[in-house]
Amino acid sequence: MSPGKTFFTIGDAAKLIGVVPATLRNWEKAGLVKPGRQNGNYRIYSLKDIERLKKIKYLMRVKGFNIVGVKEYLAAQGEELPAEPVKIEKKGPRIAVGQKLKALREKKGLTLEEVSQGTGVSVSYLSRIETGQVNVSIATLQKLATFYEKNLLYFFEGMDTKEQKLVRAGLGQVLETDEEGIKVELLTALSEPAMEPLLYTVAPGAGRNENISHEGEEFVYVLKGVLEVWLDETERYVVGPGDSLYFKSTQQHRWRNIGDEELVALWINTPPTF
C-alpha cells in the first residue's frame, strides 16, 4: 500500500456504507466498482472507493436507480467504470429479448421515439436493449410488455411448455431475468393459469428499485429473510418470515431484501405478470 493512504477491508467498507458485505460483492460483480486486492486475494477499498460506494447507495436506495441506471448516471458524470472481462457467450436471454422487442416495434410500424413516448424509456436505452448491448430490468421489461400487449413469458427463450399439474420441489422453470442477485422460479407448468405462483430467492441488498404498476393483484408470503415493500412511495412494509402482504398491482411498487441473509418468498400474481 502507498504511504499515507488508508484502505478498508470489505467488512469495514460495508459498515461505513451501511450495507452488508454481500451487497458490495454484488456491486463489484455488476461492474460498479473494482476494489484492490491485498496479496492478490483480499479485497481492499480506498477512500475514493468509499465515496463512490456512498454515491451508488444513494442512487439506488434514495433515487431508485437500478444497476443500468447507476452505470448510465456515473458515465454521464464522467466517472470511469471498471472494465468488464471479455466473455464469449452463446445467444442468450439478453439478445433474444432485444430481438423480440425490435420485431414487435417494427411489426407495429413504430419508431424508437414513439415507443419512448409511450413507455417513458429513453430512446438511447431502447436502442441498446434492442441490440443486446445492455441488460434490461424486469421493471423496464414490464413497461414494454404492457405497451406491446404481451406478458413477460413471451420474452423468455427455452420455456418448457409441457402441461402438468404437479411441479416437484426444485424443478420449477427458472426465469432468467438478468437481474443481479435475483432468482425467480415459476411454480406452475400450466399454459394459461389464472394465478402465477413464483418463488423468489434474493441476495442481501438486491431487489427491484424501480417502481412499476400494472393490472391485477399480488400476494407475498416470506419464508426466510426480510423483505421491504414500498407502495406509491407512501406505504412502507417490512415483511418477515411468516408474514404476508396483499396489494393491488395498480399501486406503484418496488421492493428489496433489507436483511443480512438470503430472502426466500412465495409471490403470487393474478392475472399472470410473467
C-alpha atoms as a PDB file:
ATOM      1  CA  MET A   1       0.000   0.000   0.000  1.00  0.00           C
ATOM      2  CA  SER A   2       1.168   3.523  -0.774  1.00  0.00           C
ATOM      3  CA  PRO A   3       2.346   5.698   2.159  1.00  0.00           C
ATOM      4  CA  GLY A   4      -0.303   7.992   3.595  1.00  0.00           C
ATOM      5  CA  LYS A   5      -3.157   6.048   2.010  1.00  0.00           C
ATOM      6  CA  THR A   6      -5.962   4.466   4.006  1.00  0.00           C
ATOM      7  CA  PHE A   7      -7.535   1.209   2.929  1.00  0.00           C
ATOM      8  CA  PHE A   8     -10.517  -0.702   4.269  1.00  0.00           C
ATOM      9  CA  THR A   9     -11.487  -4.356   4.265  1.00  0.00           C
ATOM     10  CA  ILE A  10     -14.845  -5.374   2.759  1.00  0.00           C
ATOM     11  CA  GLY A  11     -16.279  -5.686   6.276  1.00  0.00           C
ATOM     12  CA  ASP A  12     -15.119  -2.190   7.262  1.00  0.00           C
ATOM     13  CA  ALA A  13     -16.322  -0.712   3.964  1.00  0.00           C
ATOM     14  CA  ALA A  14     -19.751  -2.323   4.359  1.00  0.00           C
ATOM     15  CA  LYS A  15     -20.135  -0.824   7.845  1.00  0.00           C
ATOM     16  CA  LEU A  16     -19.129   2.634   6.616  1.00  0.00           C
ATOM     17  CA  ILE A  17     -21.650   2.490   3.765  1.00  0.00           C
ATOM     18  CA  GLY A  18     -24.406   0.881   5.822  1.00  0.00           C
ATOM     19  CA  VAL A  19     -24.814  -2.294   3.775  1.00  0.00           C
ATOM     20  CA  VAL A  20     -23.812  -5.939   4.127  1.00  0.00           C
ATOM     21  CA  PRO A  21     -20.618  -7.294   2.502  1.00  0.00           C
ATOM     22  CA  ALA A  22     -22.677  -9.347   0.030  1.00  0.00           C
ATOM     23  CA  THR A  23     -24.069  -6.101  -1.387  1.00  0.00           C
ATOM     24  CA  LEU A  24     -20.555  -4.814  -2.133  1.00  0.00           C
ATOM     25  CA  ARG A  25     -19.710  -8.106  -3.829  1.00  0.00           C
ATOM     26  CA  ASN A  26     -22.888  -7.798  -5.924  1.00  0.00           C
ATOM     27  CA  TRP A  27     -21.982  -4.236  -6.947  1.00  0.00           C
ATOM     28  CA  GLU A  28     -18.492  -5.397  -7.891  1.00  0.00           C
ATOM     29  CA  LYS A  29     -19.930  -8.267  -9.941  1.00  0.00           C
ATOM     30  CA  ALA A  30     -22.271  -5.807 -11.675  1.00  0.00           C
ATOM     31  CA  GLY A  31     -19.283  -3.656 -12.709  1.00  0.00           C
ATOM     32  CA  LEU A  32     -19.998  -0.636 -10.497  1.00  0.00           C
ATOM     33  CA  VAL A  33     -16.764  -0.713  -8.511  1.00  0.00           C
ATOM     34  CA  LYS A  34     -13.482  -2.616  -8.581  1.00  0.00           C
ATOM     35  CA  PRO A  35     -11.652  -2.806  -5.238  1.00  0.00           C
ATOM     36  CA  GLY A  36      -7.963  -3.537  -4.998  1.00  0.00           C
ATOM     37  CA  ARG A  37      -6.590  -6.856  -3.829  1.00  0.00           C
ATOM     38  CA  GLN A  38      -4.211  -7.403  -0.934  1.00  0.00           C
ATOM     39  CA  ASN A  39      -1.737 -10.204  -1.640  1.00  0.00           C
ATOM     40  CA  GLY A  40      -3.828 -10.966  -4.712  1.00  0.00           C
ATOM     41  CA  ASN A  41      -6.700 -12.233  -2.583  1.00  0.00           C
ATOM     42  CA  TYR A  42      -8.457  -9.992  -0.031  1.00  0.00           C
ATOM     43  CA  ARG A  43     -10.493  -7.024  -1.228  1.00  0.00           C
ATOM     44  CA  ILE A  44      -9.327  -3.588  -0.098  1.00  0.00           C
ATOM     45  CA  TYR A  45     -11.192  -0.302  -0.618  1.00  0.00           C
ATOM     46  CA  SER A  46      -9.622   3.149  -0.823  1.00  0.00           C
ATOM     47  CA  LEU A  47     -11.203   6.391   0.382  1.00  0.00           C
ATOM     48  CA  LYS A  48     -12.102   7.096  -3.261  1.00  0.00           C
ATOM     49  CA  ASP A  49     -13.849   3.722  -3.432  1.00  0.00           C
ATOM     50  CA  ILE A  50     -15.779   4.543  -0.252  1.00  0.00           C
ATOM     51  CA  GLU A  51     -17.048   7.811  -1.736  1.00  0.00           C
ATOM     52  CA  ARG A  52     -18.098   6.005  -4.901  1.00  0.00           C
ATOM     53  CA  LEU A  53     -19.924   3.334  -2.874  1.00  0.00           C
ATOM     54  CA  LYS A  54     -21.799   6.014  -0.920  1.00  0.00           C
ATOM     55  CA  LYS A  55     -22.919   7.569  -4.194  1.00  0.00           C
ATOM     56  CA  ILE A  56     -24.039   4.182  -5.540  1.00  0.00           C
ATOM     57  CA  LYS A  57     -26.073   3.507  -2.391  1.00  0.00           C
ATOM     58  CA  TYR A  58     -27.714   6.938  -2.639  1.00  0.00           C
ATOM     59  CA  LEU A  59     -28.602   6.460  -6.302  1.00  0.00           C
ATOM     60  CA  MET A  60     -30.091   3.001  -5.716  1.00  0.00           C
ATOM     61  CA  ARG A  61     -31.862   3.424  -2.400  1.00  0.00           C
ATOM     62  CA  VAL A  62     -32.874   7.084  -2.437  1.00  0.00           C
ATOM     63  CA  LYS A  63     -33.216   7.882  -6.139  1.00  0.00           C
ATOM     64  CA  GLY A  64     -34.467   4.378  -7.030  1.00  0.00           C
ATOM     65  CA  PHE A  65     -31.954   3.689  -9.822  1.00  0.00           C
ATOM     66  CA  ASN A  66     -31.309   0.119 -10.977  1.00  0.00           C
ATOM     67  CA  ILE A  67     -27.835  -1.186 -11.935  1.00  0.00           C
ATOM     68  CA  VAL A  68     -28.139   0.047 -15.527  1.00  0.00           C
ATOM     69  CA  GLY A  69     -29.357   3.457 -14.355  1.00  0.00           C
ATOM     70  CA  VAL A  70     -26.432   3.830 -11.940  1.00  0.00           C
ATOM     71  CA  LYS A  71     -23.955   2.959 -14.701  1.00  0.00           C
ATOM     72  CA  GLU A  72     -25.502   5.468 -17.093  1.00  0.00           C
ATOM     73  CA  TYR A  73     -25.521   8.189 -14.417  1.00  0.00           C
ATOM     74  CA  LEU A  74     -21.885   7.604 -13.427  1.00  0.00           C
ATOM     75  CA  ALA A  75     -20.815   7.550 -17.080  1.00  0.00           C
ATOM     76  CA  ALA A  76     -22.673  10.816 -17.698  1.00  0.00           C
ATOM     77  CA  GLN A  77     -20.780  12.329 -14.756  1.00  0.00           C
ATOM     78  CA  GLY A  78     -17.511  11.348 -16.379  1.00  0.00           C
ATOM     79  CA  GLU A  79     -16.695   8.630 -13.849  1.00  0.00           C
ATOM     80  CA  GLU A  80     -14.766   5.696 -15.239  1.00  0.00           C
ATOM     81  CA  LEU A  81     -16.437   2.306 -14.875  1.00  0.00           C
ATOM     82  CA  PRO A  82     -14.373  -0.826 -14.239  1.00  0.00           C
ATOM     83  CA  ALA A  83     -13.557  -2.695 -17.409  1.00  0.00           C
ATOM     84  CA  GLU A  84     -15.712  -5.772 -17.799  1.00  0.00           C
ATOM     85  CA  PRO A  85     -13.979  -9.080 -18.538  1.00  0.00           C
ATOM     86  CA  VAL A  86     -14.252 -10.282 -22.105  1.00  0.00           C
ATOM     87  CA  LYS A  87     -16.831 -13.071 -22.328  1.00  0.00           C
ATOM     88  CA  ILE A  88     -17.619 -15.499 -25.104  1.00  0.00           C
ATOM     89  CA  GLU A  89     -21.340 -16.054 -24.744  1.00  0.00           C
ATOM     90  CA  LYS A  90     -23.844 -18.100 -26.629  1.00  0.00           C
ATOM     91  CA  LYS A  91     -27.015 -16.420 -27.782  1.00  0.00           C
ATOM     92  CA  GLY A  92     -28.903 -15.843 -24.536  1.00  0.00           C
ATOM     93  CA  PRO A  93     -31.840 -14.017 -22.935  1.00  0.00           C
ATOM     94  CA  ARG A  94     -30.383 -10.527 -23.418  1.00  0.00           C
ATOM     95  CA  ILE A  95     -30.113 -10.858 -27.210  1.00  0.00           C
ATOM     96  CA  ALA A  96     -33.396 -12.750 -27.523  1.00  0.00           C
ATOM     97  CA  VAL A  97     -35.318 -10.095 -25.601  1.00  0.00           C
ATOM     98  CA  GLY A  98     -33.855  -7.309 -27.726  1.00  0.00           C
ATOM     99  CA  GLN A  99     -34.677  -9.080 -30.972  1.00  0.00           C
ATOM    100  CA  LYS A 100     -38.254  -9.724 -29.888  1.00  0.00           C
ATOM    101  CA  LEU A 101     -38.739  -6.102 -28.850  1.00  0.00           C
ATOM    102  CA  LYS A 102     -37.379  -4.873 -32.160  1.00  0.00           C
ATOM    103  CA  ALA A 103     -39.638  -7.283 -34.084  1.00  0.00           C
ATOM    104  CA  LEU A 104     -42.703  -6.090 -32.154  1.00  0.00           C
ATOM    105  CA  ARG A 105     -41.842  -2.438 -32.783  1.00  0.00           C
ATOM    106  CA  GLU A 106     -41.273  -2.966 -36.497  1.00  0.00           C
ATOM    107  CA  LYS A 107     -44.447  -5.047 -36.836  1.00  0.00           C
ATOM    108  CA  LYS A 108     -46.434  -2.117 -35.424  1.00  0.00           C
ATOM    109  CA  GLY A 109     -44.552   0.324 -37.662  1.00  0.00           C
ATOM    110  CA  LEU A 110     -43.302   2.375 -34.706  1.00  0.00           C
ATOM    111  CA  THR A 111     -40.136   4.412 -34.292  1.00  0.00           C
ATOM    112  CA  LEU A 112     -37.974   4.294 -31.178  1.00  0.00           C
ATOM    113  CA  GLU A 113     -39.167   7.818 -30.404  1.00  0.00           C
ATOM    114  CA  GLU A 114     -42.814   6.695 -30.442  1.00  0.00           C
ATOM    115  CA  VAL A 115     -42.084   3.752 -28.143  1.00  0.00           C
ATOM    116  CA  SER A 116     -40.175   6.083 -25.843  1.00  0.00           C
ATOM    117  CA  GLN A 117     -43.139   8.443 -25.641  1.00  0.00           C
ATOM    118  CA  GLY A 118     -45.472   5.562 -24.848  1.00  0.00           C
ATOM    119  CA  THR A 119     -43.317   3.919 -22.174  1.00  0.00           C
ATOM    120  CA  GLY A 120     -41.134   6.632 -20.647  1.00  0.00           C
ATOM    121  CA  VAL A 121     -37.982   4.654 -21.544  1.00  0.00           C
ATOM    122  CA  SER A 122     -35.304   6.751 -23.241  1.00  0.00           C
ATOM    123  CA  VAL A 123     -34.589   6.305 -26.950  1.00  0.00           C
ATOM    124  CA  SER A 124     -30.907   5.556 -26.327  1.00  0.00           C
ATOM    125  CA  TYR A 125     -31.750   2.892 -23.754  1.00  0.00           C
ATOM    126  CA  LEU A 126     -34.366   1.309 -26.044  1.00  0.00           C
ATOM    127  CA  SER A 127     -31.814   1.146 -28.841  1.00  0.00           C
ATOM    128  CA  ARG A 128     -29.241  -0.539 -26.616  1.00  0.00           C
ATOM    129  CA  ILE A 129     -31.835  -3.048 -25.377  1.00  0.00           C
ATOM    130  CA  GLU A 130     -32.857  -3.957 -28.928  1.00  0.00           C
ATOM    131  CA  THR A 131     -29.245  -4.544 -29.960  1.00  0.00           C
ATOM    132  CA  GLY A 132     -28.472  -6.622 -26.850  1.00  0.00           C
ATOM    133  CA  GLN A 133     -25.896  -4.170 -25.506  1.00  0.00           C
ATOM    134  CA  VAL A 134     -27.430  -3.880 -22.023  1.00  0.00           C
ATOM    135  CA  ASN A 135     -29.340  -5.956 -19.524  1.00  0.00           C
ATOM    136  CA  VAL A 136     -32.987  -4.998 -19.168  1.00  0.00           C
ATOM    137  CA  SER A 137     -34.609  -4.924 -15.750  1.00  0.00           C
ATOM    138  CA  ILE A 138     -37.956  -6.580 -15.136  1.00  0.00           C
ATOM    139  CA  ALA A 139     -39.445  -3.155 -14.317  1.00  0.00           C
ATOM    140  CA  THR A 140     -38.478  -1.803 -17.741  1.00  0.00           C
ATOM    141  CA  LEU A 141     -39.476  -5.020 -19.498  1.00  0.00           C
ATOM    142  CA  GLN A 142     -42.861  -4.849 -17.752  1.00  0.00           C
ATOM    143  CA  LYS A 143     -43.448  -1.372 -19.198  1.00  0.00           C
ATOM    144  CA  LEU A 144     -42.535  -2.569 -22.678  1.00  0.00           C
ATOM    145  CA  ALA A 145     -44.616  -5.752 -22.362  1.00  0.00           C
ATOM    146  CA  THR A 146     -47.659  -3.698 -21.346  1.00  0.00           C
ATOM    147  CA  PHE A 147     -47.056  -1.303 -24.237  1.00  0.00           C
ATOM    148  CA  TYR A 148     -46.897  -4.191 -26.738  1.00  0.00           C
ATOM    149  CA  GLU A 149     -49.781  -6.066 -25.038  1.00  0.00           C
ATOM    150  CA  LYS A 150     -47.644  -9.101 -24.164  1.00  0.00           C
ATOM    151  CA  ASN A 151     -46.875 -10.908 -20.918  1.00  0.00           C
ATOM    152  CA  LEU A 152     -43.283 -11.323 -19.780  1.00  0.00           C
ATOM    153  CA  LEU A 153     -43.098 -15.041 -20.624  1.00  0.00           C
ATOM    154  CA  TYR A 154     -43.232 -14.044 -24.284  1.00  0.00           C
ATOM    155  CA  PHE A 155     -39.703 -12.660 -23.999  1.00  0.00           C
ATOM    156  CA  PHE A 156     -38.070 -15.729 -22.459  1.00  0.00           C
ATOM    157  CA  GLU A 157     -36.491 -18.427 -24.591  1.00  0.00           C
ATOM    158  CA  GLY A 158     -36.487 -22.114 -23.846  1.00  0.00           C
ATOM    159  CA  MET A 159     -39.618 -22.207 -21.687  1.00  0.00           C
ATOM    160  CA  ASP A 160     -40.864 -25.734 -21.009  1.00  0.00           C
ATOM    161  CA  THR A 161     -44.350 -25.830 -22.460  1.00  0.00           C
ATOM    162  CA  LYS A 162     -45.218 -29.312 -21.139  1.00  0.00           C
ATOM    163  CA  GLU A 163     -48.604 -29.115 -19.445  1.00  0.00           C
ATOM    164  CA  GLN A 164     -48.654 -30.684 -15.979  1.00  0.00           C
ATOM    165  CA  LYS A 165     -50.427 -30.098 -12.662  1.00  0.00           C
ATOM    166  CA  LEU A 166     -47.635 -31.205 -10.319  1.00  0.00           C
ATOM    167  CA  VAL A 167     -44.292 -29.393 -10.065  1.00  0.00           C
ATOM    168  CA  ARG A 168     -41.728 -31.186  -7.901  1.00  0.00           C
ATOM    169  CA  ALA A 169     -39.559 -29.280  -5.417  1.00  0.00           C
ATOM    170  CA  GLY A 170     -36.676 -27.539  -7.147  1.00  0.00           C
ATOM    171  CA  LEU A 171     -37.900 -28.432 -10.635  1.00  0.00           C
ATOM    172  CA  GLY A 172     -39.850 -25.292 -11.469  1.00  0.00           C
ATOM    173  CA  GLN A 173     -38.831 -23.329 -14.571  1.00  0.00           C
ATOM    174  CA  VAL A 174     -36.175 -20.749 -13.639  1.00  0.00           C
ATOM    175  CA  LEU A 175     -36.800 -17.416 -15.357  1.00  0.00           C
ATOM    176  CA  GLU A 176     -33.541 -15.734 -16.419  1.00  0.00           C
ATOM    177  CA  THR A 177     -34.143 -12.045 -15.713  1.00  0.00           C
ATOM    178  CA  ASP A 178     -30.612 -10.551 -15.944  1.00  0.00           C
ATOM    179  CA  GLU A 179     -31.197  -9.008 -12.510  1.00  0.00           C
ATOM    180  CA  GLU A 180     -28.257  -9.206 -10.136  1.00  0.00           C
ATOM    181  CA  GLY A 181     -28.929 -11.350  -7.074  1.00  0.00           C
ATOM    182  CA  ILE A 182     -32.490 -12.351  -8.013  1.00  0.00           C
ATOM    183  CA  LYS A 183     -33.627 -15.859  -8.938  1.00  0.00           C
ATOM    184  CA  VAL A 184     -37.249 -16.427  -9.987  1.00  0.00           C
ATOM    185  CA  GLU A 185     -38.740 -19.929 -10.196  1.00  0.00           C
ATOM    186  CA  LEU A 186     -42.132 -20.485 -11.823  1.00  0.00           C
ATOM    187  CA  LEU A 187     -44.154 -22.930  -9.709  1.00  0.00           C
ATOM    188  CA  THR A 188     -46.763 -23.887 -12.277  1.00  0.00           C
ATOM    189  CA  ALA A 189     -46.497 -25.763 -15.569  1.00  0.00           C
ATOM    190  CA  LEU A 190     -49.968 -24.860 -16.821  1.00  0.00           C
ATOM    191  CA  SER A 191     -50.122 -22.814 -20.006  1.00  0.00           C
ATOM    192  CA  GLU A 192     -52.922 -20.427 -19.037  1.00  0.00           C
ATOM    193  CA  PRO A 193     -53.237 -20.292 -15.232  1.00  0.00           C
ATOM    194  CA  ALA A 194     -55.427 -17.682 -13.522  1.00  0.00           C
ATOM    195  CA  MET A 195     -52.727 -17.246 -10.865  1.00  0.00           C
ATOM    196  CA  GLU A 196     -48.962 -17.118 -11.232  1.00  0.00           C
ATOM    197  CA  PRO A 197     -47.038 -18.606  -8.268  1.00  0.00           C
ATOM    198  CA  LEU A 198     -43.356 -17.656  -8.177  1.00  0.00           C
ATOM    199  CA  LEU A 199     -40.563 -18.495  -5.746  1.00  0.00           C
ATOM    200  CA  TYR A 200     -38.119 -15.615  -5.311  1.00  0.00           C
ATOM    201  CA  THR A 201     -34.622 -16.143  -3.924  1.00  0.00           C
ATOM    202  CA  VAL A 202     -32.919 -12.781  -3.385  1.00  0.00           C
ATOM    203  CA  ALA A 203     -29.411 -11.900  -2.197  1.00  0.00           C
ATOM    204  CA  PRO A 204     -28.939  -9.325   0.592  1.00  0.00           C
ATOM    205  CA  GLY A 205     -29.312  -5.793  -0.778  1.00  0.00           C
ATOM    206  CA  ALA A 206     -30.793  -6.956  -4.086  1.00  0.00           C
ATOM    207  CA  GLY A 207     -34.283  -6.100  -5.297  1.00  0.00           C
ATOM    208  CA  ARG A 208     -36.272  -4.053  -7.779  1.00  0.00           C
ATOM    209  CA  ASN A 209     -35.657  -0.396  -7.047  1.00  0.00           C
ATOM    210  CA  GLU A 210     -37.666   0.945  -9.981  1.00  0.00           C
ATOM    211  CA  ASN A 211     -41.395   1.479  -9.425  1.00  0.00           C
ATOM    212  CA  ILE A 212     -43.801  -0.435 -11.661  1.00  0.00           C
ATOM    213  CA  SER A 213     -47.580  -0.761 -11.818  1.00  0.00           C
ATOM    214  CA  HIS A 214     -49.905  -2.940 -13.870  1.00  0.00           C
ATOM    215  CA  GLU A 215     -53.309  -4.583 -13.708  1.00  0.00           C
ATOM    216  CA  GLY A 216     -54.003  -7.271 -11.125  1.00  0.00           C
ATOM    217  CA  GLU A 217     -53.308  -8.169  -7.510  1.00  0.00           C
ATOM    218  CA  GLU A 218     -50.295  -9.634  -5.677  1.00  0.00           C
ATOM    219  CA  PHE A 219     -49.789 -11.841  -2.636  1.00  0.00           C
ATOM    220  CA  VAL A 220     -46.404 -12.260  -0.946  1.00  0.00           C
ATOM    221  CA  TYR A 221     -45.514 -14.757   1.793  1.00  0.00           C
ATOM    222  CA  VAL A 222     -41.984 -14.589   3.222  1.00  0.00           C
ATOM    223  CA  LEU A 223     -40.388 -17.935   4.040  1.00  0.00           C
ATOM    224  CA  LYS A 224     -36.945 -16.625   5.002  1.00  0.00           C
ATOM    225  CA  GLY A 225     -35.279 -13.229   5.381  1.00  0.00           C
ATOM    226  CA  VAL A 226     -36.682  -9.699   5.456  1.00  0.00           C
ATOM    227  CA  LEU A 227     -38.498  -8.013   2.566  1.00  0.00           C
ATOM    228  CA  GLU A 228     -39.138  -4.271   2.278  1.00  0.00           C
ATOM    229  CA  VAL A 229     -42.007  -3.185   0.002  1.00  0.00           C
ATOM    230  CA  TRP A 230     -42.943   0.391  -0.935  1.00  0.00           C
ATOM    231  CA  LEU A 231     -46.386   1.161  -2.381  1.00  0.00           C
ATOM    232  CA  ASP A 232     -46.982   4.523  -4.086  1.00  0.00           C
ATOM    233  CA  GLU A 233     -43.898   5.823  -2.207  1.00  0.00           C
ATOM    234  CA  THR A 234     -46.168   6.427   0.816  1.00  0.00           C
ATOM    235  CA  GLU A 235     -46.704   2.970   2.303  1.00  0.00           C
ATOM    236  CA  ARG A 236     -43.693   1.031   3.609  1.00  0.00           C
ATOM    237  CA  TYR A 237     -43.999  -2.569   4.729  1.00  0.00           C
ATOM    238  CA  VAL A 238     -41.311  -4.735   6.335  1.00  0.00           C
ATOM    239  CA  VAL A 239     -42.291  -8.372   5.821  1.00  0.00           C
ATOM    240  CA  GLY A 240     -40.544 -11.071   7.842  1.00  0.00           C
ATOM    241  CA  PRO A 241     -40.746 -14.874   7.982  1.00  0.00           C
ATOM    242  CA  GLY A 242     -44.370 -15.998   8.288  1.00  0.00           C
ATOM    243  CA  ASP A 243     -45.710 -12.539   7.352  1.00  0.00           C
ATOM    244  CA  SER A 244     -47.807 -11.968   4.237  1.00  0.00           C
ATOM    245  CA  LEU A 245     -48.697  -8.913   2.170  1.00  0.00           C
ATOM    246  CA  TYR A 246     -51.556  -8.473  -0.305  1.00  0.00           C
ATOM    247  CA  PHE A 247     -51.912  -5.408  -2.545  1.00  0.00           C
ATOM    248  CA  LYS A 248     -53.321  -4.217  -5.846  1.00  0.00           C
ATOM    249  CA  SER A 249     -50.747  -4.186  -8.637  1.00  0.00           C
ATOM    250  CA  THR A 250     -52.101  -0.851  -9.887  1.00  0.00           C
ATOM    251  CA  GLN A 251     -50.230   0.766  -6.982  1.00  0.00           C
ATOM    252  CA  GLN A 252     -46.684   1.800  -7.851  1.00  0.00           C
ATOM    253  CA  HIS A 253     -44.476  -0.765  -6.139  1.00  0.00           C
ATOM    254  CA  ARG A 254     -40.810  -1.559  -5.582  1.00  0.00           C
ATOM    255  CA  TRP A 255     -39.039  -3.882  -3.165  1.00  0.00           C
ATOM    256  CA  ARG A 256     -35.704  -5.193  -1.908  1.00  0.00           C
ATOM    257  CA  ASN A 257     -34.078  -7.569   0.559  1.00  0.00           C
ATOM    258  CA  ILE A 258     -33.056  -5.423   3.540  1.00  0.00           C
ATOM    259  CA  GLY A 259     -31.840  -8.332   5.673  1.00  0.00           C
ATOM    260  CA  ASP A 260     -28.362  -9.747   6.172  1.00  0.00           C
ATOM    261  CA  GLU A 261     -29.347 -13.151   4.764  1.00  0.00           C
ATOM    262  CA  GLU A 262     -30.896 -14.562   1.632  1.00  0.00           C
ATOM    263  CA  LEU A 263     -34.584 -13.767   1.139  1.00  0.00           C
ATOM    264  CA  VAL A 264     -36.949 -16.542   0.052  1.00  0.00           C
ATOM    265  CA  ALA A 265     -40.543 -15.565  -0.712  1.00  0.00           C
ATOM    266  CA  LEU A 266     -43.604 -17.057  -2.366  1.00  0.00           C
ATOM    267  CA  TRP A 267     -45.031 -14.405  -4.704  1.00  0.00           C
ATOM    268  CA  ILE A 268     -48.372 -14.874  -6.444  1.00  0.00           C
ATOM    269  CA  ASN A 269     -49.700 -12.603  -9.217  1.00  0.00           C
ATOM    270  CA  THR A 270     -53.161 -12.594 -10.732  1.00  0.00           C
ATOM    271  CA  PRO A 271     -53.552 -12.314 -13.616  1.00  0.00           C
ATOM    272  CA  PRO A 272     -50.082 -13.667 -14.523  1.00  0.00           C
ATOM    273  CA  THR A 273     -47.402 -10.994 -14.889  1.00  0.00           C
ATOM    274  CA  PHE A 274     -44.862 -13.291 -16.499  1.00  0.00           C
END
